[in-house]
Protein backbone atom coordinates (compact mmCIF):
# COMPACT_ATOMS: atom_id res chain seq x y z
CA MET A 1 61.25 -6.67 -39.41
CA ARG A 2 58.08 -3.73 -39.19
CA LEU A 3 60.13 -1.08 -40.79
CA ARG A 4 60.08 -0.31 -44.38
CA ILE A 5 61.86 2.13 -46.63
CA ARG A 6 60.57 3.74 -49.69
CA PRO A 7 63.92 3.31 -51.98
CA SER A 8 62.45 5.61 -54.61
CA VAL A 9 63.37 8.94 -52.79
CA THR A 10 66.82 9.89 -51.39
CA PRO A 11 65.82 10.27 -48.00
CA TRP A 12 68.18 13.66 -47.06
CA VAL A 13 67.01 15.21 -49.90
CA LEU A 14 63.23 14.77 -49.06
CA MET A 15 64.47 16.23 -45.27
CA LEU A 16 65.81 19.23 -47.01
CA LEU A 17 62.30 20.00 -48.73
CA GLY A 18 60.87 19.79 -45.45
CA VAL A 19 59.12 16.15 -46.06
CA THR A 20 59.61 12.81 -43.72
CA ALA A 21 58.26 9.75 -43.24
CA CYS A 22 61.07 7.97 -45.22
CA VAL A 23 61.00 5.06 -42.51
CA THR A 24 57.57 4.29 -41.06
CA SER A 25 56.30 1.66 -38.80
CA GLU A 26 53.26 -0.69 -38.54
CA PRO A 27 50.51 0.64 -36.77
CA ALA A 28 50.45 0.01 -33.01
CA PRO A 29 48.80 -3.67 -32.10
CA ASN A 30 44.99 -3.94 -30.67
CA GLY A 31 44.13 -0.48 -31.69
CA ALA A 32 46.29 0.99 -28.96
CA ASP A 33 46.38 4.87 -29.12
CA ALA A 34 50.39 5.06 -30.41
CA GLN A 35 52.35 8.29 -30.39
CA THR A 36 54.99 8.28 -33.17
CA ILE A 37 58.63 9.93 -32.52
CA THR A 38 60.56 10.90 -35.24
CA TRP A 39 64.18 10.30 -35.13
CA TYR A 40 66.81 11.41 -37.79
CA THR A 41 70.01 9.14 -38.40
CA SER A 42 72.08 8.21 -40.39
CA THR A 43 71.83 6.95 -44.18
CA SER A 44 74.53 3.93 -43.96
CA ALA A 45 72.49 0.80 -44.27
CA GLU A 46 75.73 -1.20 -44.20
CA ASN A 47 76.44 -0.89 -40.35
CA ASN A 48 73.99 0.19 -38.15
CA PRO A 49 71.97 -1.11 -35.66
CA PHE A 50 69.32 1.31 -35.91
CA ALA A 51 66.49 -1.33 -37.50
CA ILE A 52 66.92 -3.66 -34.75
CA LEU A 53 66.87 -1.52 -32.12
CA VAL A 54 63.71 0.41 -32.98
CA GLU A 55 62.05 -2.92 -33.62
CA ALA A 56 63.20 -3.96 -30.05
CA PHE A 57 61.94 -0.90 -28.56
CA GLU A 58 58.66 -1.01 -29.89
CA ARG A 59 58.19 -4.43 -28.83
CA ALA A 60 59.18 -3.76 -25.28
CA HIS A 61 56.86 -0.08 -25.67
CA PRO A 62 54.20 -0.99 -27.82
CA THR A 63 52.68 2.60 -27.68
CA ILE A 64 55.61 4.73 -29.13
CA ARG A 65 56.49 4.11 -32.54
CA VAL A 66 59.58 5.52 -33.83
CA ASN A 67 59.68 6.67 -37.75
CA VAL A 68 63.50 6.77 -38.70
CA VAL A 69 64.26 9.27 -40.96
CA PRO A 70 68.10 8.79 -42.62
CA SER A 71 70.15 12.07 -42.98
CA PRO A 72 73.88 12.34 -44.71
CA ASN A 73 76.15 10.31 -43.60
CA ASP A 74 79.44 13.08 -43.67
CA THR A 75 79.24 14.87 -40.79
CA ASP A 76 79.28 18.00 -42.48
CA GLY A 77 75.95 17.41 -44.46
CA LYS A 78 74.47 16.14 -41.60
CA ARG A 79 74.74 18.98 -39.50
CA THR A 80 73.59 21.36 -42.19
CA ALA A 81 70.50 19.19 -42.95
CA ILE A 82 69.71 18.77 -39.34
CA LYS A 83 70.23 22.50 -38.43
CA LYS A 84 67.87 23.64 -41.31
CA VAL A 85 64.90 21.26 -40.49
CA LEU A 86 65.10 22.64 -36.76
CA GLU A 87 65.21 26.45 -37.59
CA ASN A 88 62.73 26.19 -39.99
CA GLY A 89 60.41 23.92 -37.92
CA ILE A 90 58.72 21.83 -40.59
CA ASN A 91 58.91 18.26 -39.92
CA ALA A 92 61.48 18.38 -37.44
CA PRO A 93 62.50 15.45 -35.61
CA ASP A 94 61.70 15.06 -32.33
CA LEU A 95 65.34 13.66 -31.37
CA TYR A 96 68.35 13.34 -33.59
CA LEU A 97 71.89 11.83 -33.89
CA GLY A 98 74.47 13.77 -33.75
CA ASP A 99 78.08 14.24 -33.31
CA VAL A 100 79.92 14.40 -30.32
CA THR A 101 81.34 17.73 -31.00
CA TRP A 102 77.83 19.63 -31.42
CA PRO A 103 76.80 20.36 -27.92
CA ALA A 104 78.79 23.43 -27.62
CA GLU A 105 77.19 24.65 -31.28
CA PHE A 106 73.66 23.51 -30.61
CA GLY A 107 73.38 24.58 -27.19
CA ALA A 108 74.81 28.02 -27.85
CA ASP A 109 72.22 28.17 -31.02
CA HIS A 110 69.29 26.59 -28.80
CA LEU A 111 68.83 23.63 -31.26
CA ALA A 112 69.43 21.24 -28.44
CA LEU A 113 67.31 20.88 -25.38
CA PRO A 114 69.21 21.19 -21.98
CA LEU A 115 69.07 17.60 -20.43
CA ASP A 116 69.90 18.12 -16.79
CA ALA A 117 66.64 18.17 -15.79
CA VAL A 118 65.11 15.50 -18.30
CA PHE A 119 67.22 12.79 -17.14
CA GLY A 120 68.25 11.34 -13.53
CA ASP A 121 71.66 10.50 -12.19
CA GLU A 122 70.63 6.65 -13.10
CA VAL A 123 70.91 7.69 -16.60
CA TRP A 124 74.03 9.78 -16.05
CA LYS A 125 75.83 7.33 -14.18
CA ARG A 126 75.85 4.83 -17.04
CA PHE A 127 78.42 7.00 -18.79
CA PRO A 128 82.31 7.25 -18.07
CA PRO A 129 82.70 10.83 -16.84
CA GLU A 130 84.90 12.02 -19.72
CA LEU A 131 81.72 11.25 -22.07
CA VAL A 132 79.21 13.08 -19.99
CA ASN A 133 81.73 15.80 -19.94
CA ALA A 134 82.06 16.16 -23.76
CA THR A 135 78.27 16.78 -23.30
CA LYS A 136 78.50 20.02 -21.71
CA HIS A 137 78.53 23.61 -22.98
CA ASN A 138 78.36 26.39 -19.91
CA GLY A 139 77.99 23.70 -17.70
CA ALA A 140 74.50 22.30 -18.99
CA LYS A 141 74.32 18.92 -20.61
CA TYR A 142 73.05 18.77 -23.99
CA ALA A 143 73.43 15.42 -25.40
CA VAL A 144 73.34 11.52 -24.16
CA PRO A 145 76.43 9.55 -25.21
CA PHE A 146 74.80 6.94 -27.80
CA HIS A 147 78.23 5.29 -29.17
CA SER A 148 82.02 5.89 -29.24
CA ASP A 149 84.44 5.91 -32.28
CA GLN A 150 88.27 5.66 -32.00
CA GLY A 151 90.99 5.92 -34.63
CA LEU A 152 92.78 2.78 -34.91
CA LEU A 153 95.69 0.73 -37.05
CA TYR A 154 94.37 -2.10 -39.17
CA TYR A 155 97.22 -4.14 -40.51
CA ARG A 156 97.11 -7.21 -42.65
CA SER A 157 97.76 -10.09 -40.20
CA ASP A 158 98.55 -12.30 -43.05
CA LEU A 159 101.49 -10.46 -43.59
CA ILE A 160 102.43 -8.68 -40.15
CA LYS A 161 102.89 -10.68 -37.32
CA PRO A 162 101.18 -8.82 -34.14
CA ASN A 163 104.39 -8.42 -32.18
CA GLU A 164 105.90 -6.99 -35.61
CA VAL A 165 103.33 -3.93 -35.77
CA PRO A 166 105.18 -0.75 -36.06
CA ARG A 167 104.90 1.58 -32.76
CA THR A 168 106.33 4.24 -34.43
CA TRP A 169 104.90 6.70 -37.81
CA GLU A 170 108.49 6.38 -38.77
CA ASP A 171 108.75 2.66 -38.57
CA LEU A 172 105.09 2.26 -40.16
CA ALA A 173 106.54 3.89 -43.02
CA ALA A 174 109.66 2.10 -43.38
CA MET A 175 107.46 -1.20 -43.04
CA ALA A 176 105.20 -0.45 -45.80
CA ARG A 177 107.49 0.28 -48.28
CA GLU A 178 109.36 -3.08 -47.46
CA LEU A 179 106.10 -4.87 -47.99
CA GLN A 180 105.28 -3.07 -51.03
CA THR A 181 108.71 -4.17 -52.50
CA ARG A 182 108.49 -7.59 -51.23
CA ASN A 183 104.89 -8.34 -51.84
CA GLY A 184 104.00 -6.41 -54.71
CA LEU A 185 101.01 -4.42 -52.81
CA GLU A 186 99.94 -1.09 -54.62
CA HIS A 187 99.58 0.59 -51.54
CA GLY A 188 101.61 0.66 -48.09
CA PHE A 189 99.43 2.81 -45.89
CA VAL A 190 95.82 4.33 -46.63
CA TRP A 191 93.57 6.99 -44.23
CA GLN A 192 91.30 9.85 -45.00
CA GLY A 193 92.61 12.69 -46.55
CA LYS A 194 89.55 14.17 -48.34
CA GLN A 195 89.01 17.64 -47.78
CA TYR A 196 86.34 17.14 -44.86
CA GLU A 197 86.00 16.62 -41.02
CA GLY A 198 87.84 13.08 -41.17
CA LEU A 199 90.88 14.75 -42.38
CA THR A 200 90.56 16.95 -39.06
CA CYS A 201 90.44 13.38 -37.46
CA ASN A 202 93.29 12.08 -39.13
CA TRP A 203 95.44 15.73 -38.15
CA LEU A 204 94.58 15.59 -34.72
CA GLU A 205 96.09 12.33 -34.52
CA MET A 206 99.06 12.87 -36.10
CA VAL A 207 99.78 16.26 -34.70
CA SER A 208 99.03 15.14 -31.02
CA ALA A 209 101.50 12.21 -31.42
CA ALA A 210 104.10 14.80 -32.38
CA GLY A 211 103.66 16.71 -29.15
CA GLY A 212 101.42 19.66 -30.51
CA GLN A 213 98.07 20.72 -30.10
CA VAL A 214 95.53 23.10 -32.35
CA LEU A 215 94.33 25.30 -29.66
CA ASP A 216 96.13 26.71 -26.53
CA ASP A 217 94.84 25.43 -23.27
CA GLU A 218 92.33 28.01 -23.10
CA GLY A 219 90.97 27.49 -26.23
CA ALA A 220 91.45 31.26 -27.15
CA ARG A 221 94.48 30.93 -29.98
CA SER A 222 95.63 28.52 -32.33
CA ARG A 223 98.58 26.39 -32.15
CA MET A 224 98.99 25.45 -35.64
CA THR A 225 102.19 27.05 -36.33
CA SER A 226 104.37 24.98 -34.09
CA PRO A 227 107.25 23.01 -34.34
CA GLU A 228 105.17 19.70 -33.90
CA SER A 229 102.82 20.40 -36.03
CA THR A 230 105.22 21.00 -38.81
CA ARG A 231 106.89 17.59 -38.16
CA ALA A 232 103.59 15.94 -38.74
CA LEU A 233 102.45 17.55 -41.95
CA GLN A 234 106.04 17.21 -43.40
CA PHE A 235 105.41 13.65 -42.55
CA MET A 236 102.02 13.28 -43.94
CA ARG A 237 103.15 15.08 -46.98
CA GLN A 238 106.37 12.79 -47.31
CA LEU A 239 103.98 9.74 -47.10
CA ILE A 240 102.21 10.65 -50.46
CA THR A 241 105.90 11.84 -52.29
CA GLU A 242 107.61 8.70 -51.25
CA GLY A 243 104.68 6.11 -52.53
CA VAL A 244 103.88 4.97 -49.38
CA THR A 245 100.41 6.50 -49.40
CA PRO A 246 98.77 6.86 -52.70
CA PRO A 247 97.83 10.43 -54.33
CA ASP A 248 94.28 9.78 -54.64
CA VAL A 249 94.14 10.13 -50.51
CA THR A 250 93.32 13.33 -51.04
CA ARG A 251 89.98 11.88 -52.00
CA PHE A 252 89.75 9.37 -49.55
CA SER A 253 86.92 9.06 -46.84
CA GLU A 254 86.08 5.97 -44.62
CA PRO A 255 84.35 3.78 -47.19
CA ASP A 256 87.12 4.02 -49.73
CA THR A 257 89.96 3.25 -47.47
CA SER A 258 87.66 0.16 -46.11
CA LEU A 259 87.33 -1.09 -49.70
CA LEU A 260 90.89 -0.89 -50.35
CA PHE A 261 92.32 -2.51 -47.51
CA ALA A 262 89.45 -5.22 -47.70
CA THR A 263 90.74 -5.80 -51.33
CA GLY A 264 94.39 -6.67 -49.81
CA LYS A 265 95.74 -3.45 -52.12
CA ALA A 266 97.41 -1.89 -48.84
CA ALA A 267 99.20 -3.08 -45.97
CA PHE A 268 97.74 -0.72 -43.02
CA MET A 269 95.16 1.51 -42.86
CA ARG A 270 93.66 4.33 -39.95
CA ASN A 271 90.14 3.95 -39.74
CA TRP A 272 87.39 4.09 -36.82
CA ASN A 273 86.74 0.94 -34.83
CA SER A 274 83.39 0.70 -36.95
CA ALA A 275 85.26 -0.19 -39.98
CA TYR A 276 85.89 -3.61 -38.47
CA SER A 277 82.13 -4.40 -39.12
CA THR A 278 82.60 -3.43 -42.83
CA LEU A 279 85.71 -5.30 -42.98
CA LYS A 280 83.62 -8.33 -42.03
CA ASN A 281 80.84 -7.94 -44.17
CA ARG A 282 83.34 -7.92 -46.97
CA LEU A 283 85.61 -10.99 -46.21
CA GLY A 284 83.42 -12.97 -44.21
CA GLN A 285 85.18 -15.53 -42.24
CA ALA A 286 88.38 -14.65 -43.62
CA VAL A 287 88.56 -11.52 -41.57
CA ASP A 288 89.97 -13.10 -38.56
CA SER A 289 93.34 -14.48 -40.55
CA ARG A 290 93.14 -11.37 -42.75
CA VAL A 291 92.67 -8.58 -40.58
CA GLY A 292 94.69 -7.10 -37.23
CA VAL A 293 94.24 -4.56 -35.04
CA ALA A 294 96.32 -2.06 -32.95
CA PRO A 295 96.80 1.28 -31.17
CA LEU A 296 98.22 4.30 -33.55
CA PRO A 297 101.51 4.62 -33.93
CA THR A 298 103.34 7.80 -32.45
CA PHE A 299 106.30 9.99 -33.41
CA SER A 300 109.96 8.72 -32.84
CA GLY A 301 110.70 10.24 -28.79
CA GLN A 302 106.78 10.62 -28.10
CA PRO A 303 104.94 8.03 -25.56
CA TYR A 304 103.45 4.99 -27.10
CA PRO A 305 100.35 4.35 -28.31
CA GLY A 306 99.82 7.40 -30.29
CA PRO A 307 96.87 9.30 -29.69
CA SER A 308 93.74 8.47 -31.20
CA THR A 309 90.80 10.94 -32.08
CA VAL A 310 87.60 11.10 -30.20
CA GLY A 311 84.60 10.24 -31.91
CA GLY A 312 81.34 8.68 -31.88
CA TRP A 313 77.37 10.33 -31.72
CA SER A 314 75.21 11.05 -29.42
CA LEU A 315 71.77 11.26 -28.57
CA TYR A 316 70.45 15.17 -29.11
CA ILE A 317 66.84 16.28 -28.45
CA ASN A 318 64.43 19.13 -29.91
CA PRO A 319 63.99 22.08 -27.94
CA ASN A 320 60.49 22.15 -29.60
CA THR A 321 59.15 18.67 -28.99
CA GLU A 322 55.64 18.22 -28.07
CA LYS A 323 56.41 14.20 -27.01
CA LEU A 324 59.13 14.73 -24.53
CA ASP A 325 58.18 11.71 -22.37
CA ALA A 326 58.28 9.59 -25.33
CA VAL A 327 61.65 10.76 -26.42
CA ARG A 328 62.87 10.50 -22.68
CA GLN A 329 61.65 6.73 -22.65
CA PHE A 330 63.27 5.97 -26.15
CA ILE A 331 66.72 7.67 -25.15
CA ASP A 332 66.80 6.08 -21.60
CA TRP A 333 66.15 2.31 -23.76
CA LEU A 334 69.01 3.28 -26.16
CA THR A 335 71.39 3.59 -23.55
CA ASP A 336 70.77 0.94 -20.89
CA ALA A 337 72.84 -2.20 -21.00
CA PRO A 338 70.35 -4.36 -23.08
CA ALA A 339 70.47 -2.13 -26.22
CA GLN A 340 74.03 -1.18 -25.68
CA ARG A 341 75.07 -4.93 -26.21
CA ILE A 342 73.31 -4.63 -29.52
CA VAL A 343 75.48 -1.64 -30.24
CA ALA A 344 78.43 -3.29 -29.52
CA ARG A 345 77.49 -6.06 -32.19
CA TYR A 346 78.16 -3.57 -34.86
CA SER A 347 81.90 -2.86 -33.67
CA LEU A 348 80.76 0.46 -32.45
CA ILE A 349 81.73 1.24 -28.76
CA PRO A 350 79.11 1.00 -26.31
CA THR A 351 79.09 4.15 -24.21
CA ASN A 352 77.31 2.02 -21.16
CA ARG A 353 80.13 1.55 -18.48
CA GLU A 354 78.35 -1.74 -17.70
CA VAL A 355 78.34 -3.24 -21.29
CA ARG A 356 81.85 -2.05 -21.86
CA SER A 357 83.19 -3.72 -18.98
CA ASP A 358 81.53 -7.03 -19.91
CA PRO A 359 83.97 -9.40 -21.58
CA ASN A 360 80.59 -11.19 -23.03
CA VAL A 361 80.07 -8.28 -25.61
CA MET A 362 83.23 -9.19 -27.35
CA GLY A 363 81.78 -11.77 -29.53
CA THR A 364 83.67 -15.17 -30.73
CA SER A 365 85.94 -12.94 -33.29
CA SER A 366 89.55 -12.44 -32.19
CA SER A 367 89.86 -9.02 -34.51
CA LEU A 368 86.66 -7.54 -32.83
CA ARG A 369 87.56 -8.11 -29.51
CA VAL A 370 90.52 -6.35 -29.55
CA VAL A 371 88.63 -3.53 -31.53
CA LEU A 372 86.63 -3.13 -28.49
CA GLU A 373 89.53 -3.83 -25.75
CA LEU A 374 91.58 -1.31 -27.38
CA ALA A 375 88.68 1.24 -27.43
CA THR A 376 88.09 0.91 -23.45
CA SER A 377 91.16 -0.31 -22.35
CA ALA A 378 93.70 2.15 -20.71
CA GLU A 379 96.22 1.56 -23.26
CA GLY A 380 93.88 2.34 -26.34
CA ALA A 381 92.66 5.67 -24.05
CA ASN A 382 95.45 7.90 -25.37
CA LEU A 383 92.74 10.35 -26.76
CA ALA A 384 93.09 13.35 -29.26
CA ASN A 385 90.20 15.53 -27.89
CA ARG A 386 88.58 17.58 -30.64
CA PRO A 387 88.52 21.12 -29.91
CA ILE A 388 85.34 22.09 -27.89
CA THR A 389 83.74 25.40 -29.03
CA PRO A 390 80.54 26.73 -30.58
CA ALA A 391 82.69 27.65 -33.61
CA TYR A 392 84.15 24.02 -33.90
CA PRO A 393 82.67 23.45 -37.28
CA ASP A 394 84.93 26.91 -38.87
CA VAL A 395 87.62 25.83 -36.92
CA SER A 396 87.55 22.38 -38.33
CA LYS A 397 87.11 23.98 -41.56
CA GLY A 398 90.26 26.00 -41.28
CA ILE A 399 92.09 22.72 -40.40
CA TYR A 400 91.03 20.66 -43.22
CA VAL A 401 91.04 23.33 -45.97
CA ASN A 402 94.98 24.49 -45.40
CA ILE A 403 96.02 20.83 -44.48
CA HIS A 404 94.36 19.34 -47.72
CA ARG A 405 96.07 22.28 -49.91
CA ALA A 406 99.55 20.80 -48.31
CA LEU A 407 98.61 17.34 -49.08
CA THR A 408 97.92 18.02 -52.64
CA GLY A 409 101.01 19.94 -53.08
CA GLU A 410 99.03 23.30 -53.46
CA ALA A 411 101.22 24.97 -50.47
CA ALA A 412 104.22 24.15 -48.65
CA PRO A 413 103.53 22.50 -45.10
CA GLU A 414 104.67 25.78 -43.44
CA GLN A 415 102.32 28.07 -45.66
CA ALA A 416 99.82 26.08 -45.11
CA LEU A 417 99.97 25.69 -41.37
CA ALA A 418 100.40 29.72 -41.15
CA ASP A 419 97.23 29.97 -43.17
CA ALA A 420 95.46 27.63 -41.07
CA ASP A 421 96.45 29.84 -37.92
CA ARG A 422 95.30 32.98 -39.15
CA ASP A 423 91.88 31.30 -40.53
CA ILE A 424 91.46 29.81 -36.64
CA ASN A 425 92.39 32.78 -34.96
CA THR A 426 89.89 34.87 -37.01
CA THR A 427 87.40 32.56 -36.15
CA LEU A 428 87.94 32.45 -32.66
CA GLU A 429 88.30 36.26 -32.73
CA ARG A 430 84.57 36.41 -33.77
CA LEU A 431 83.41 34.47 -30.94
CA PRO A 432 81.37 36.69 -28.16
CA ALA A 433 82.98 37.17 -25.07
CA PRO A 434 81.97 34.76 -22.15
CA ALA A 435 79.40 35.79 -20.22
CA THR A 436 80.04 36.69 -16.52
CA ARG A 437 78.20 36.76 -13.36
């Protein structure tokens, strides 16, 4: 590997201070005049393909070097850190990895370059139309899809047969209680209940499975006080009060749930497709006999499978980069088939349609095949889209702060939903009126 990381300094702290060069490359071969571009990514070293991708790109493009600067893993921390360096312009990246929900916010704030004229149809045709549509704000594209995520149900395949996997949330709770009693499991079902974006994603799946939604169809008003919302939140709270889910779930993020599930302490887990690689790293060859993957359940009376939150990460360009041609070549390479096959090895869903439909990317692991097949199939595509609005961070905060209060017992579900409704509508009312032509 050419990349070397200086472990003595926390990368995102340096970034907030305006210092970069956390990850560097060797000089270009034969004295070539190399151009260095800076890419802000994520701090996780356990489950990402960044080093391998950069090394392969630099071999294919010997006059371009990529300086990889890790930023916080959690979405809110990453957003804050990247916006800070883009706004102050000191050691800002040429491109950055951003959440799929950012085009409206970063486009409206002029922190992402409009890309319609940067990439031609040959690039945009690589992706499913729904992924391209998600990059738009006011008709312009502000991001290039890099990899997708979906929420999935993981289960103990040594205890549960594939044809026994529950199809409703009510059946899951009942089976989880039975397994706790019969097999002495500490937990029945673990998920992400911490007060952060991950809880918003869990909430979107639950409320959508109940037939509800967060905003109205125009995205102008909250729908958080619907009967469907009440049903979903009462169920989530009931999971905790009845002991199916531990009270500590209100402090759990993705790594916490993966650890509990990998150690055999839980029968079921809700997590992203990318969690499979984490489980494989911890369990090794035992992953195939211990881990099963299925679509998320739905509520009784609603269509199966249950909705899965759309997640994932896209590539954004700094509007002030002076190295646009090199950045364009890098993004073009990252989203072409060879690089996207590398992405798939890490249980990340490739965005390239050719790779998504190629059975060879599934590898030899049966569970990994299920992860990717569910995520790219019609059955696994019952999606719960996050609201696309420039005010998304505040809308999401209105969700996870108030839902968290209900989960901890600080507020009754009905009161928490009323408070969320108020907070979200206040946020939406502050948005400027759409421009008229």
